[in-house]
Amino acid sequence: MESLKELAQEGVGPAECLLGVCYMNGWGGLDKQDTPAQRQASAITLFKNAADHGEWNGFALLGQLYEAGLLDANGDRLPPDLATAETLYQKGADNENPLCRFALGRLLYDRAAKEQGNAALKRRAVEMILLAAGANVPRAQTWRTDHPADVKEYETEMRGQ
């Protein structure tokens, strides 16, 4: 764990992400006396630093926190902030991060389902998920298998353009 901390302090993006995940989950004996909200704050700092150091997974991890809802100082979960999550996922997706592409696609797909008739949003969602599937993101590959009609519709539209 000390080596991981040292690498994170040196600004190694993947180490910052991994250490942030350890904080979030209370793994590795990290600051066990800290409250969940304090561990979350440490994780957020590490994820932001990772993103600043070009580790786009930092945006994916931050987005997941906002999508789930952050913890307040008392440890109570706040409502999800989907707009912030989408912005974070989009930043990573713009830099071709497969995890951000999948998360963005899933978020947009859910919104498109609520906004029935928004074909452009659904098309963009499926595109992001398929890009992630092509980059071997397992959950995106499972989504592709579980949604054959959406995939076929997307592929048919793309052939027609």
Protein backbone atom coordinates (compact mmCIF):
# COMPACT_ATOMS: atom_id res chain seq x y z
CA MET A 1 0.00 0.00 0.00
CA GLU A 2 2.88 2.37 0.72
CA SER A 3 4.21 1.93 -2.82
CA LEU A 4 0.80 2.79 -4.21
CA LYS A 5 0.65 5.91 -2.03
CA GLU A 6 4.12 6.95 -3.20
CA LEU A 7 3.20 6.52 -6.85
CA ALA A 8 0.00 8.53 -6.34
CA GLN A 9 1.97 11.29 -4.62
CA GLU A 10 4.28 11.35 -7.65
CA GLY A 11 1.26 11.98 -9.88
CA VAL A 12 1.02 8.57 -11.54
CA GLY A 13 -2.57 8.61 -12.81
CA PRO A 14 -3.38 4.89 -12.60
CA ALA A 15 -2.02 4.79 -9.04
CA GLU A 16 -4.18 7.78 -8.12
CA CYS A 17 -7.25 6.00 -9.48
CA LEU A 18 -6.46 2.75 -7.70
CA LEU A 19 -5.73 4.49 -4.41
CA GLY A 20 -8.98 6.45 -4.77
CA VAL A 21 -10.90 3.20 -5.22
CA CYS A 22 -9.18 1.83 -2.11
CA TYR A 23 -10.30 4.90 -0.15
CA MET A 24 -13.86 4.61 -1.44
CA ASN A 25 -14.11 0.99 -0.38
CA GLY A 26 -12.10 1.19 2.84
CA TRP A 27 -9.52 -1.28 1.52
CA GLY A 28 -5.92 -1.61 2.57
CA GLY A 29 -6.29 -0.18 6.06
CA LEU A 30 -6.38 3.37 4.69
CA ASP A 31 -7.53 5.84 7.31
CA LYS A 32 -9.98 3.44 8.94
CA GLN A 33 -10.82 6.14 11.47
CA ASP A 34 -12.11 8.36 8.66
CA THR A 35 -15.84 8.53 8.01
CA PRO A 36 -17.19 7.38 4.64
CA ALA A 37 -17.62 11.05 3.67
CA GLN A 38 -13.97 11.78 4.51
CA ARG A 39 -12.82 8.74 2.51
CA GLN A 40 -15.01 9.90 -0.38
CA ALA A 41 -13.39 13.36 -0.25
CA SER A 42 -9.94 11.75 -0.42
CA ALA A 43 -11.05 9.61 -3.35
CA ILE A 44 -12.49 12.60 -5.21
CA THR A 45 -9.21 14.47 -4.84
CA LEU A 46 -7.28 11.47 -6.16
CA PHE A 47 -9.67 10.96 -9.10
CA LYS A 48 -9.44 14.67 -10.02
CA ASN A 49 -5.66 14.53 -9.81
CA ALA A 50 -5.61 11.43 -11.99
CA ALA A 51 -7.74 13.17 -14.61
CA ASP A 52 -5.45 16.21 -14.45
CA HIS A 53 -2.53 13.85 -15.11
CA GLY A 54 -4.19 12.47 -18.24
CA GLU A 55 -5.69 9.34 -16.68
CA TRP A 56 -9.17 9.51 -18.18
CA ASN A 57 -10.43 6.71 -15.93
CA GLY A 58 -10.41 9.40 -13.23
CA PHE A 59 -13.34 11.02 -15.03
CA ALA A 60 -15.16 7.68 -15.18
CA LEU A 61 -14.70 7.11 -11.45
CA LEU A 62 -15.76 10.66 -10.58
CA GLY A 63 -18.79 10.33 -12.82
CA GLN A 64 -19.82 7.14 -11.06
CA LEU A 65 -19.74 8.93 -7.71
CA TYR A 66 -21.94 11.75 -8.98
CA GLU A 67 -24.26 9.31 -10.74
CA ALA A 68 -24.74 7.32 -7.53
CA GLY A 69 -25.03 10.47 -5.39
CA LEU A 70 -22.29 11.85 -3.20
CA LEU A 71 -22.27 11.52 0.56
CA ASP A 72 -22.89 14.56 2.71
CA ALA A 73 -20.81 15.29 5.83
CA ASN A 74 -23.07 12.98 7.86
CA GLY A 75 -22.59 10.10 5.46
CA ASP A 76 -26.10 10.36 4.01
CA ARG A 77 -26.38 9.87 0.27
CA LEU A 78 -27.39 12.95 -1.70
CA PRO A 79 -29.54 12.68 -4.82
CA PRO A 80 -27.66 11.71 -7.99
CA ASP A 81 -26.22 14.56 -10.03
CA LEU A 82 -26.65 13.14 -13.52
CA ALA A 83 -25.72 16.39 -15.27
CA THR A 84 -22.30 16.45 -13.60
CA ALA A 85 -21.83 12.73 -14.21
CA GLU A 86 -22.63 13.22 -17.90
CA THR A 87 -20.16 16.12 -18.16
CA LEU A 88 -17.41 14.02 -16.58
CA TYR A 89 -18.15 11.00 -18.76
CA GLN A 90 -18.20 13.24 -21.85
CA LYS A 91 -14.73 14.61 -21.04
CA GLY A 92 -13.34 11.09 -20.92
CA ALA A 93 -15.32 9.99 -23.98
CA ASP A 94 -13.95 12.98 -25.91
CA ASN A 95 -10.53 11.50 -25.19
CA GLU A 96 -11.62 8.04 -26.34
CA ASN A 97 -11.73 6.49 -22.88
CA PRO A 98 -13.75 3.27 -23.25
CA LEU A 99 -15.06 3.27 -19.67
CA CYS A 100 -16.32 6.84 -20.05
CA ARG A 101 -17.85 5.96 -23.41
CA PHE A 102 -19.76 3.07 -21.87
CA ALA A 103 -20.90 5.07 -18.85
CA LEU A 104 -21.96 7.99 -21.05
CA GLY A 105 -23.77 5.68 -23.44
CA ARG A 106 -25.62 3.94 -20.62
CA LEU A 107 -26.63 7.26 -19.06
CA LEU A 108 -27.84 8.62 -22.41
CA TYR A 109 -29.65 5.38 -23.22
CA ASP A 110 -31.56 5.58 -19.95
CA ARG A 111 -32.47 9.21 -20.65
CA ALA A 112 -33.56 8.35 -24.21
CA ALA A 113 -35.86 5.66 -22.80
CA LYS A 114 -37.52 8.30 -20.62
CA GLU A 115 -37.67 10.79 -23.51
CA GLN A 116 -39.36 8.44 -25.95
CA GLY A 117 -38.98 9.61 -29.50
CA ASN A 118 -35.53 11.14 -29.02
CA ALA A 119 -33.89 9.05 -31.74
CA ALA A 120 -30.76 11.20 -31.93
CA LEU A 121 -30.06 10.73 -28.22
CA LYS A 122 -30.62 6.99 -28.47
CA ARG A 123 -28.36 6.77 -31.54
CA ARG A 124 -25.60 8.63 -29.70
CA ALA A 125 -26.03 6.36 -26.67
CA VAL A 126 -25.78 3.18 -28.72
CA GLU A 127 -22.76 4.55 -30.59
CA MET A 128 -20.91 5.21 -27.32
CA ILE A 129 -21.74 1.76 -25.97
CA LEU A 130 -20.66 0.03 -29.17
CA LEU A 131 -17.38 1.95 -29.19
CA ALA A 132 -16.79 0.74 -25.64
CA ALA A 133 -17.73 -2.82 -26.63
CA GLY A 134 -15.22 -2.62 -29.47
CA ALA A 135 -12.59 -1.63 -26.91
CA ASN A 136 -13.37 -4.82 -24.95
CA VAL A 137 -15.27 -3.28 -22.04
CA PRO A 138 -17.04 -6.39 -20.71
CA ARG A 139 -20.23 -4.64 -19.57
CA ALA A 140 -20.51 -2.92 -22.95
CA GLN A 141 -20.09 -6.27 -24.70
CA THR A 142 -22.82 -7.74 -22.50
CA TRP A 143 -25.06 -4.75 -23.27
CA ARG A 144 -24.49 -5.29 -26.99
CA THR A 145 -25.51 -8.95 -26.63
CA ASP A 146 -28.55 -8.07 -24.50
CA HIS A 147 -29.83 -5.34 -26.88
CA PRO A 148 -29.68 -6.86 -30.39
CA ALA A 149 -32.63 -4.83 -31.70
CA ASP A 150 -30.99 -1.53 -30.69
CA VAL A 151 -27.70 -2.60 -32.24
CA LYS A 152 -29.38 -3.66 -35.47
CA GLU A 153 -31.37 -0.40 -35.63
CA TYR A 154 -28.17 1.61 -35.12
CA GLU A 155 -26.22 -0.37 -37.72
CA THR A 156 -29.08 -0.04 -40.23
CA GLU A 157 -29.17 3.75 -39.69
CA MET A 158 -25.40 4.02 -40.12
CA ARG A 159 -25.48 2.05 -43.38
CA GLY A 160 -28.19 4.38 -44.70
CA GLN A 161 -26.09 7.51 -44.13
